[in-house]
Amino acid sequence: MILTRLNAILEAVRARPRQVEFVLFDAGRRDRRINDLKRACRDLEVSVRYGSREALDRLARGHQGAVARVALREYLPPEAALEGPRGERFLFVLDGVQDPQNLGAVLRVAEGVGARVVLPERGSAPLSEGVAKSSAGAVERVPVVRVGNLRRSIDQLKDEGFRVVGLDASGPALYGLDLTGDLALVLGAEATGLRRLVREGCDLLGSLPMAGEVASLNVAAAAAAAGYEAVRQRRFSRKQA
């Protein structure tokens, strides 16, 4: 895939330099961010090329002075969802999030709150250039796990000690639920929400209070609100106890 944003390119170079085929720089551009990327390429032995701005434009529009060709990001196997210290594991489980920008934004939230992301094989946006761009490089930092049957995977998470909480308007306010310990927050797409079998597989349902006329939030905004409530409970409440 082609990456055009400097943050995304830099994260790819740092995270998996052997999978970066090359970085093409605008020969006329010289500034701190470009120099930082050049330095990272040199240190990690990533192939570097130079060309005119017109040459970069022919490869990809909307770049920031550099373009990279990178192998598609690989998914982790299902068992990777169970990794981490028991009692501290945190997952975002996404049911039917097909928009690349939304997936990228959720990955950016996941990187901020320290969560892994679980995606089903079907009905999810792939890890594409659009995802990389909207994640601002977080796609290179967040472990992304791919599973087959999402409901079966949720049952397995419960067997492994996870509390599985689905975000759904029919549930009570999320802020009254216990979000400590091993936690899987399940989020659906904006238009359809959680599918019935997925919703029924959750231990609990929780909702985000909506004071205005809008019925729901964008999935990334919902992930941020719910994810940072979990962070508050898991870190700060424990410190104050």
C-alpha atoms as a PDB file:
ATOM      1  CA  MET A   1       0.000   0.000   0.000  1.00  0.00           C
ATOM      2  CA  ILE A   2       1.005   3.648  -0.459  1.00  0.00           C
ATOM      3  CA  LEU A   3       1.375   5.903   2.574  1.00  0.00           C
ATOM      4  CA  THR A   4       1.287   9.668   2.138  1.00  0.00           C
ATOM      5  CA  ARG A   5       1.201  11.147   5.663  1.00  0.00           C
ATOM      6  CA  LEU A   6       4.495  11.740   7.440  1.00  0.00           C
ATOM      7  CA  ASN A   7       3.332  10.323  10.788  1.00  0.00           C
ATOM      8  CA  ALA A   8       2.077   7.136   9.162  1.00  0.00           C
ATOM      9  CA  ILE A   9       5.297   6.688   7.176  1.00  0.00           C
ATOM     10  CA  LEU A  10       7.503   7.292  10.208  1.00  0.00           C
ATOM     11  CA  GLU A  11       5.561   4.801  12.328  1.00  0.00           C
ATOM     12  CA  ALA A  12       5.789   2.170   9.574  1.00  0.00           C
ATOM     13  CA  VAL A  13       9.542   2.738   9.244  1.00  0.00           C
ATOM     14  CA  ARG A  14      10.030   2.380  12.986  1.00  0.00           C
ATOM     15  CA  ALA A  15       7.678  -0.575  13.482  1.00  0.00           C
ATOM     16  CA  ARG A  16       8.529  -2.764  10.467  1.00  0.00           C
ATOM     17  CA  PRO A  17      11.391  -1.352   8.398  1.00  0.00           C
ATOM     18  CA  ARG A  18      11.889  -4.610   6.468  1.00  0.00           C
ATOM     19  CA  GLN A  19       8.370  -4.261   5.055  1.00  0.00           C
ATOM     20  CA  VAL A  20       8.935  -0.746   3.710  1.00  0.00           C
ATOM     21  CA  GLU A  21       9.912  -1.140   0.047  1.00  0.00           C
ATOM     22  CA  PHE A  22      11.026   2.493  -0.284  1.00  0.00           C
ATOM     23  CA  VAL A  23      10.373   6.066   0.799  1.00  0.00           C
ATOM     24  CA  LEU A  24      10.308   8.614  -2.016  1.00  0.00           C
ATOM     25  CA  PHE A  25      11.155  12.162  -0.908  1.00  0.00           C
ATOM     26  CA  ASP A  26      10.472  15.462  -2.613  1.00  0.00           C
ATOM     27  CA  ALA A  27      14.037  16.547  -3.454  1.00  0.00           C
ATOM     28  CA  GLY A  28      13.109  20.184  -2.944  1.00  0.00           C
ATOM     29  CA  ARG A  29      11.644  19.808   0.542  1.00  0.00           C
ATOM     30  CA  ARG A  30      13.805  20.318   3.624  1.00  0.00           C
ATOM     31  CA  ASP A  31      12.342  20.798   7.096  1.00  0.00           C
ATOM     32  CA  ARG A  32      12.522  19.191  10.531  1.00  0.00           C
ATOM     33  CA  ARG A  33       9.836  16.544   9.989  1.00  0.00           C
ATOM     34  CA  ILE A  34      11.288  15.478   6.656  1.00  0.00           C
ATOM     35  CA  ASN A  35      14.776  15.352   8.170  1.00  0.00           C
ATOM     36  CA  ASP A  36      13.508  13.230  11.082  1.00  0.00           C
ATOM     37  CA  LEU A  37      12.025  10.755   8.606  1.00  0.00           C
ATOM     38  CA  LYS A  38      15.222  10.668   6.547  1.00  0.00           C
ATOM     39  CA  ARG A  39      17.232  10.004   9.705  1.00  0.00           C
ATOM     40  CA  ALA A  40      14.941   7.135  10.701  1.00  0.00           C
ATOM     41  CA  CYS A  41      15.235   5.617   7.227  1.00  0.00           C
ATOM     42  CA  ARG A  42      19.012   5.865   7.369  1.00  0.00           C
ATOM     43  CA  ASP A  43      19.240   4.375  10.871  1.00  0.00           C
ATOM     44  CA  LEU A  44      16.929   1.463  10.005  1.00  0.00           C
ATOM     45  CA  GLU A  45      18.375   0.911   6.528  1.00  0.00           C
ATOM     46  CA  VAL A  46      15.179   1.670   4.641  1.00  0.00           C
ATOM     47  CA  SER A  47      15.596   2.339   0.919  1.00  0.00           C
ATOM     48  CA  VAL A  48      15.332   6.061   0.110  1.00  0.00           C
ATOM     49  CA  ARG A  49      14.645   7.702  -3.247  1.00  0.00           C
ATOM     50  CA  TYR A  50      14.378  11.324  -4.367  1.00  0.00           C
ATOM     51  CA  GLY A  51      12.256  12.954  -7.032  1.00  0.00           C
ATOM     52  CA  SER A  52      10.392  16.091  -8.001  1.00  0.00           C
ATOM     53  CA  ARG A  53       7.090  17.048  -6.461  1.00  0.00           C
ATOM     54  CA  GLU A  54       5.494  16.125  -9.776  1.00  0.00           C
ATOM     55  CA  ALA A  55       6.943  12.613  -9.469  1.00  0.00           C
ATOM     56  CA  LEU A  56       5.417  12.236  -6.011  1.00  0.00           C
ATOM     57  CA  ASP A  57       2.097  13.576  -7.294  1.00  0.00           C
ATOM     58  CA  ARG A  58       2.040  10.887  -9.957  1.00  0.00           C
ATOM     59  CA  LEU A  59       2.427   8.230  -7.269  1.00  0.00           C
ATOM     60  CA  ALA A  60      -0.043   9.689  -4.761  1.00  0.00           C
ATOM     61  CA  ARG A  61      -1.957  12.914  -4.287  1.00  0.00           C
ATOM     62  CA  GLY A  62      -2.225  14.704  -0.955  1.00  0.00           C
ATOM     63  CA  HIS A  63       1.267  13.787   0.283  1.00  0.00           C
ATOM     64  CA  GLN A  64       3.355  15.887   2.677  1.00  0.00           C
ATOM     65  CA  GLY A  65       6.658  15.736   0.856  1.00  0.00           C
ATOM     66  CA  ALA A  66       7.210  11.985   1.075  1.00  0.00           C
ATOM     67  CA  VAL A  67       5.492   8.843  -0.184  1.00  0.00           C
ATOM     68  CA  ALA A  68       6.186   5.264   0.921  1.00  0.00           C
ATOM     69  CA  ARG A  69       5.327   1.879  -0.503  1.00  0.00           C
ATOM     70  CA  VAL A  70       4.698  -0.502   2.395  1.00  0.00           C
ATOM     71  CA  ALA A  71       3.469  -4.077   2.699  1.00  0.00           C
ATOM     72  CA  LEU A  72      -0.048  -4.436   4.031  1.00  0.00           C
ATOM     73  CA  ARG A  73      -0.177  -4.687   7.803  1.00  0.00           C
ATOM     74  CA  GLU A  74      -0.702  -8.275   8.956  1.00  0.00           C
ATOM     75  CA  TYR A  75      -3.342  -9.312  11.486  1.00  0.00           C
ATOM     76  CA  LEU A  76      -2.521 -11.180  14.673  1.00  0.00           C
ATOM     77  CA  PRO A  77      -4.097 -14.621  15.279  1.00  0.00           C
ATOM     78  CA  PRO A  78      -7.108 -15.009  17.630  1.00  0.00           C
ATOM     79  CA  GLU A  79      -5.005 -16.174  20.578  1.00  0.00           C
ATOM     80  CA  ALA A  80      -3.238 -12.796  20.627  1.00  0.00           C
ATOM     81  CA  ALA A  81      -6.411 -11.279  22.104  1.00  0.00           C
ATOM     82  CA  LEU A  82      -5.678 -13.179  25.317  1.00  0.00           C
ATOM     83  CA  GLU A  83      -2.127 -11.885  25.764  1.00  0.00           C
ATOM     84  CA  GLY A  84      -1.124  -9.502  28.522  1.00  0.00           C
ATOM     85  CA  PRO A  85      -1.145  -9.515  32.328  1.00  0.00           C
ATOM     86  CA  ARG A  86      -4.340 -11.008  33.747  1.00  0.00           C
ATOM     87  CA  GLY A  87      -6.561  -8.398  35.320  1.00  0.00           C
ATOM     88  CA  GLU A  88      -5.207  -5.660  33.022  1.00  0.00           C
ATOM     89  CA  ARG A  89      -6.176  -6.895  29.545  1.00  0.00           C
ATOM     90  CA  PHE A  90      -8.292  -4.457  27.535  1.00  0.00           C
ATOM     91  CA  LEU A  91      -9.931  -5.015  24.153  1.00  0.00           C
ATOM     92  CA  PHE A  92     -12.088  -3.089  21.715  1.00  0.00           C
ATOM     93  CA  VAL A  93     -14.207  -5.622  19.818  1.00  0.00           C
ATOM     94  CA  LEU A  94     -15.665  -4.103  16.645  1.00  0.00           C
ATOM     95  CA  ASP A  95     -18.839  -5.529  15.125  1.00  0.00           C
ATOM     96  CA  GLY A  96     -19.398  -4.393  11.547  1.00  0.00           C
ATOM     97  CA  VAL A  97     -17.211  -1.270  11.395  1.00  0.00           C
ATOM     98  CA  GLN A  98     -16.664  -1.005   7.645  1.00  0.00           C
ATOM     99  CA  ASP A  99     -15.605   2.611   7.155  1.00  0.00           C
ATOM    100  CA  PRO A 100     -11.780   2.902   6.944  1.00  0.00           C
ATOM    101  CA  GLN A 101     -11.764   6.345   8.534  1.00  0.00           C
ATOM    102  CA  ASN A 102     -13.800   5.104  11.475  1.00  0.00           C
ATOM    103  CA  LEU A 103     -11.558   2.073  11.939  1.00  0.00           C
ATOM    104  CA  GLY A 104      -8.468   4.262  11.792  1.00  0.00           C
ATOM    105  CA  ALA A 105      -9.935   6.651  14.342  1.00  0.00           C
ATOM    106  CA  VAL A 106     -10.795   3.759  16.678  1.00  0.00           C
ATOM    107  CA  LEU A 107      -7.213   2.488  16.376  1.00  0.00           C
ATOM    108  CA  ARG A 108      -5.989   5.936  17.374  1.00  0.00           C
ATOM    109  CA  VAL A 109      -8.225   5.807  20.462  1.00  0.00           C
ATOM    110  CA  ALA A 110      -7.073   2.258  21.225  1.00  0.00           C
ATOM    111  CA  GLU A 111      -3.448   3.385  21.154  1.00  0.00           C
ATOM    112  CA  GLY A 112      -4.317   6.139  23.604  1.00  0.00           C
ATOM    113  CA  VAL A 113      -6.101   3.916  26.128  1.00  0.00           C
ATOM    114  CA  GLY A 114      -3.822   0.886  25.766  1.00  0.00           C
ATOM    115  CA  ALA A 115      -6.341  -1.475  24.145  1.00  0.00           C
ATOM    116  CA  ARG A 116      -6.006  -4.177  21.509  1.00  0.00           C
ATOM    117  CA  VAL A 117      -8.560  -4.306  18.704  1.00  0.00           C
ATOM    118  CA  VAL A 118     -10.474  -7.430  17.652  1.00  0.00           C
ATOM    119  CA  LEU A 119     -12.039  -7.572  14.175  1.00  0.00           C
ATOM    120  CA  PRO A 120     -14.116 -10.311  12.520  1.00  0.00           C
ATOM    121  CA  GLU A 121     -12.915 -11.657   9.178  1.00  0.00           C
ATOM    122  CA  ARG A 122     -16.138 -10.592   7.479  1.00  0.00           C
ATOM    123  CA  GLY A 123     -17.886  -7.245   7.682  1.00  0.00           C
ATOM    124  CA  SER A 124     -14.882  -5.155   8.727  1.00  0.00           C
ATOM    125  CA  ALA A 125     -12.773  -2.610   6.902  1.00  0.00           C
ATOM    126  CA  PRO A 126      -9.355  -4.028   5.950  1.00  0.00           C
ATOM    127  CA  LEU A 127      -6.114  -2.501   7.194  1.00  0.00           C
ATOM    128  CA  SER A 128      -5.701  -0.205   4.220  1.00  0.00           C
ATOM    129  CA  GLU A 129      -4.038   3.066   3.316  1.00  0.00           C
ATOM    130  CA  GLY A 130      -7.183   4.916   4.413  1.00  0.00           C
ATOM    131  CA  VAL A 131      -7.044   3.239   7.819  1.00  0.00           C
ATOM    132  CA  ALA A 132      -3.363   4.088   8.183  1.00  0.00           C
ATOM    133  CA  LYS A 133      -3.994   7.723   7.269  1.00  0.00           C
ATOM    134  CA  SER A 134      -6.884   8.267   9.675  1.00  0.00           C
ATOM    135  CA  SER A 135      -5.102   6.442  12.503  1.00  0.00           C
ATOM    136  CA  ALA A 136      -2.173   8.921  12.347  1.00  0.00           C
ATOM    137  CA  GLY A 137       0.252   5.995  12.550  1.00  0.00           C
ATOM    138  CA  ALA A 138      -1.515   4.140  15.368  1.00  0.00           C
ATOM    139  CA  VAL A 139      -2.176   1.212  13.014  1.00  0.00           C
ATOM    140  CA  GLU A 140       1.529   0.381  13.410  1.00  0.00           C
ATOM    141  CA  ARG A 141       1.353   0.400  17.220  1.00  0.00           C
ATOM    142  CA  VAL A 142      -1.946  -1.249  18.105  1.00  0.00           C
ATOM    143  CA  PRO A 143      -2.182  -5.056  18.027  1.00  0.00           C
ATOM    144  CA  VAL A 144      -5.057  -5.927  15.670  1.00  0.00           C
ATOM    145  CA  VAL A 145      -6.505  -9.412  16.098  1.00  0.00           C
ATOM    146  CA  ARG A 146      -8.627 -11.083  13.437  1.00  0.00           C
ATOM    147  CA  VAL A 147     -11.181 -13.740  14.391  1.00  0.00           C
ATOM    148  CA  GLY A 148     -13.635 -15.899  12.481  1.00  0.00           C
ATOM    149  CA  ASN A 149     -16.995 -16.049  14.256  1.00  0.00           C
ATOM    150  CA  LEU A 150     -17.349 -12.979  16.479  1.00  0.00           C
ATOM    151  CA  ARG A 151     -20.022 -14.431  18.774  1.00  0.00           C
ATOM    152  CA  ARG A 152     -17.939 -17.565  19.342  1.00  0.00           C
ATOM    153  CA  SER A 153     -14.922 -15.384  20.079  1.00  0.00           C
ATOM    154  CA  ILE A 154     -16.903 -13.397  22.646  1.00  0.00           C
ATOM    155  CA  ASP A 155     -17.885 -16.649  24.378  1.00  0.00           C
ATOM    156  CA  GLN A 156     -14.212 -17.637  24.467  1.00  0.00           C
ATOM    157  CA  LEU A 157     -13.262 -14.292  25.969  1.00  0.00           C
ATOM    158  CA  LYS A 158     -15.773 -14.837  28.752  1.00  0.00           C
ATOM    159  CA  ASP A 159     -14.373 -18.316  29.378  1.00  0.00           C
ATOM    160  CA  GLU A 160     -10.932 -16.703  29.710  1.00  0.00           C
ATOM    161  CA  GLY A 161     -12.119 -14.297  32.403  1.00  0.00           C
ATOM    162  CA  PHE A 162     -13.023 -11.196  30.385  1.00  0.00           C
ATOM    163  CA  ARG A 163     -16.024  -9.095  31.299  1.00  0.00           C
ATOM    164  CA  VAL A 164     -17.690  -8.364  27.951  1.00  0.00           C
ATOM    165  CA  VAL A 165     -19.590  -5.077  27.855  1.00  0.00           C
ATOM    166  CA  GLY A 166     -21.537  -4.068  24.748  1.00  0.00           C
ATOM    167  CA  LEU A 167     -22.317  -0.435  23.965  1.00  0.00           C
ATOM    168  CA  ASP A 168     -26.015  -0.312  23.223  1.00  0.00           C
ATOM    169  CA  ALA A 169     -28.702   2.328  23.740  1.00  0.00           C
ATOM    170  CA  SER A 170     -30.914  -0.179  25.585  1.00  0.00           C
ATOM    171  CA  GLY A 171     -28.426  -0.576  28.442  1.00  0.00           C
ATOM    172  CA  PRO A 172     -28.009   1.515  31.594  1.00  0.00           C
ATOM    173  CA  ALA A 173     -25.496   4.347  31.732  1.00  0.00           C
ATOM    174  CA  LEU A 174     -21.996   2.999  31.212  1.00  0.00           C
ATOM    175  CA  TYR A 175     -20.645   5.093  34.084  1.00  0.00           C
ATOM    176  CA  GLY A 176     -22.453   2.910  36.627  1.00  0.00           C
ATOM    177  CA  LEU A 177     -20.855  -0.322  35.366  1.00  0.00           C
ATOM    178  CA  ASP A 178     -17.684  -1.962  36.624  1.00  0.00           C
ATOM    179  CA  LEU A 179     -15.089  -1.638  33.849  1.00  0.00           C
ATOM    180  CA  THR A 180     -12.102  -2.883  35.833  1.00  0.00           C
ATOM    181  CA  GLY A 181     -10.246  -6.172  35.342  1.00  0.00           C
ATOM    182  CA  ASP A 182      -9.987  -7.958  32.015  1.00  0.00           C
ATOM    183  CA  LEU A 183     -12.397  -6.033  29.809  1.00  0.00           C
ATOM    184  CA  ALA A 184     -13.742  -6.307  26.269  1.00  0.00           C
ATOM    185  CA  LEU A 185     -15.793  -3.331  25.065  1.00  0.00           C
ATOM    186  CA  VAL A 186     -17.938  -4.289  22.070  1.00  0.00           C
ATOM    187  CA  LEU A 187     -18.939  -1.565  19.624  1.00  0.00           C
ATOM    188  CA  GLY A 188     -21.150  -1.786  16.556  1.00  0.00           C
ATOM    189  CA  ALA A 189     -21.380   0.332  13.449  1.00  0.00           C
ATOM    190  CA  GLU A 190     -23.319   3.613  13.611  1.00  0.00           C
ATOM    191  CA  ALA A 191     -26.129   2.598  11.290  1.00  0.00           C
ATOM    192  CA  THR A 192     -26.889  -0.853  12.707  1.00  0.00           C
ATOM    193  CA  GLY A 193     -25.322  -1.076  16.155  1.00  0.00           C
ATOM    194  CA  LEU A 194     -24.583  -4.491  17.601  1.00  0.00           C
ATOM    195  CA  ARG A 195     -26.001  -7.502  15.841  1.00  0.00           C
ATOM    196  CA  ARG A 196     -28.497  -9.512  17.899  1.00  0.00           C
ATOM    197  CA  LEU A 197     -26.298 -12.548  18.536  1.00  0.00           C
ATOM    198  CA  VAL A 198     -23.344 -10.373  19.434  1.00  0.00           C
ATOM    199  CA  ARG A 199     -25.478  -8.265  21.767  1.00  0.00           C
ATOM    200  CA  GLU A 200     -26.906 -11.354  23.442  1.00  0.00           C
ATOM    201  CA  GLY A 201     -23.392 -12.714  23.987  1.00  0.00           C
ATOM    202  CA  CYS A 202     -22.318  -9.744  26.105  1.00  0.00           C
ATOM    203  CA  ASP A 203     -22.259 -10.012  29.887  1.00  0.00           C
ATOM    204  CA  LEU A 204     -23.610  -6.490  30.202  1.00  0.00           C
ATOM    205  CA  LEU A 205     -24.883  -3.670  28.043  1.00  0.00           C
ATOM    206  CA  GLY A 206     -24.055  -0.049  28.701  1.00  0.00           C
ATOM    207  CA  SER A 207     -25.028   3.208  27.036  1.00  0.00           C
ATOM    208  CA  LEU A 208     -23.561   6.676  26.767  1.00  0.00           C
ATOM    209  CA  PRO A 209     -26.009   9.338  28.023  1.00  0.00           C
ATOM    210  CA  MET A 210     -27.167  11.593  25.177  1.00  0.00           C
ATOM    211  CA  ALA A 211     -28.507  14.993  26.277  1.00  0.00           C
ATOM    212  CA  GLY A 212     -29.221  16.391  22.820  1.00  0.00           C
ATOM    213  CA  GLU A 213     -31.294  15.419  19.814  1.00  0.00           C
ATOM    214  CA  VAL A 214     -28.638  13.204  18.228  1.00  0.00           C
ATOM    215  CA  ALA A 215     -29.410   9.567  18.973  1.00  0.00           C
ATOM    216  CA  SER A 216     -25.860   8.189  18.914  1.00  0.00           C
ATOM    217  CA  LEU A 217     -22.189   9.036  18.503  1.00  0.00           C
ATOM    218  CA  ASN A 218     -19.744   8.131  15.782  1.00  0.00           C
ATOM    219  CA  VAL A 219     -18.154   4.775  16.694  1.00  0.00           C
ATOM    220  CA  ALA A 220     -14.750   6.373  17.272  1.00  0.00           C
ATOM    221  CA  ALA A 221     -16.252   9.024  19.567  1.00  0.00           C
ATOM    222  CA  ALA A 222     -18.114   6.286  21.449  1.00  0.00           C
ATOM    223  CA  ALA A 223     -14.897   4.279  21.748  1.00  0.00           C
ATOM    224  CA  ALA A 224     -13.130   7.332  23.175  1.00  0.00           C
ATOM    225  CA  ALA A 225     -15.871   8.090  25.723  1.00  0.00           C
ATOM    226  CA  ALA A 226     -16.181   4.482  26.865  1.00  0.00           C
ATOM    227  CA  GLY A 227     -12.461   3.764  26.676  1.00  0.00           C
ATOM    228  CA  TYR A 228     -11.456   6.678  28.858  1.00  0.00           C
ATOM    229  CA  GLU A 229     -14.159   5.883  31.400  1.00  0.00           C
ATOM    230  CA  ALA A 230     -12.542   2.451  31.615  1.00  0.00           C
ATOM    231  CA  VAL A 231      -9.128   4.111  32.017  1.00  0.00           C
ATOM    232  CA  ARG A 232     -10.512   6.302  34.815  1.00  0.00           C
ATOM    233  CA  GLN A 233     -11.885   3.326  36.693  1.00  0.00           C
ATOM    234  CA  ARG A 234      -8.901   1.074  36.088  1.00  0.00           C
ATOM    235  CA  ARG A 235      -6.182   3.578  37.003  1.00  0.00           C
ATOM    236  CA  PHE A 236      -7.339   6.598  38.931  1.00  0.00           C
ATOM    237  CA  SER A 237     -10.052   5.066  41.112  1.00  0.00           C
ATOM    238  CA  ARG A 238      -7.561   2.414  42.230  1.00  0.00           C
ATOM    239  CA  LYS A 239      -4.989   5.066  43.165  1.00  0.00           C
ATOM    240  CA  GLN A 240      -7.514   6.984  45.263  1.00  0.00           C
ATOM    241  CA  ALA A 241      -8.750   3.896  47.129  1.00  0.00           C
END
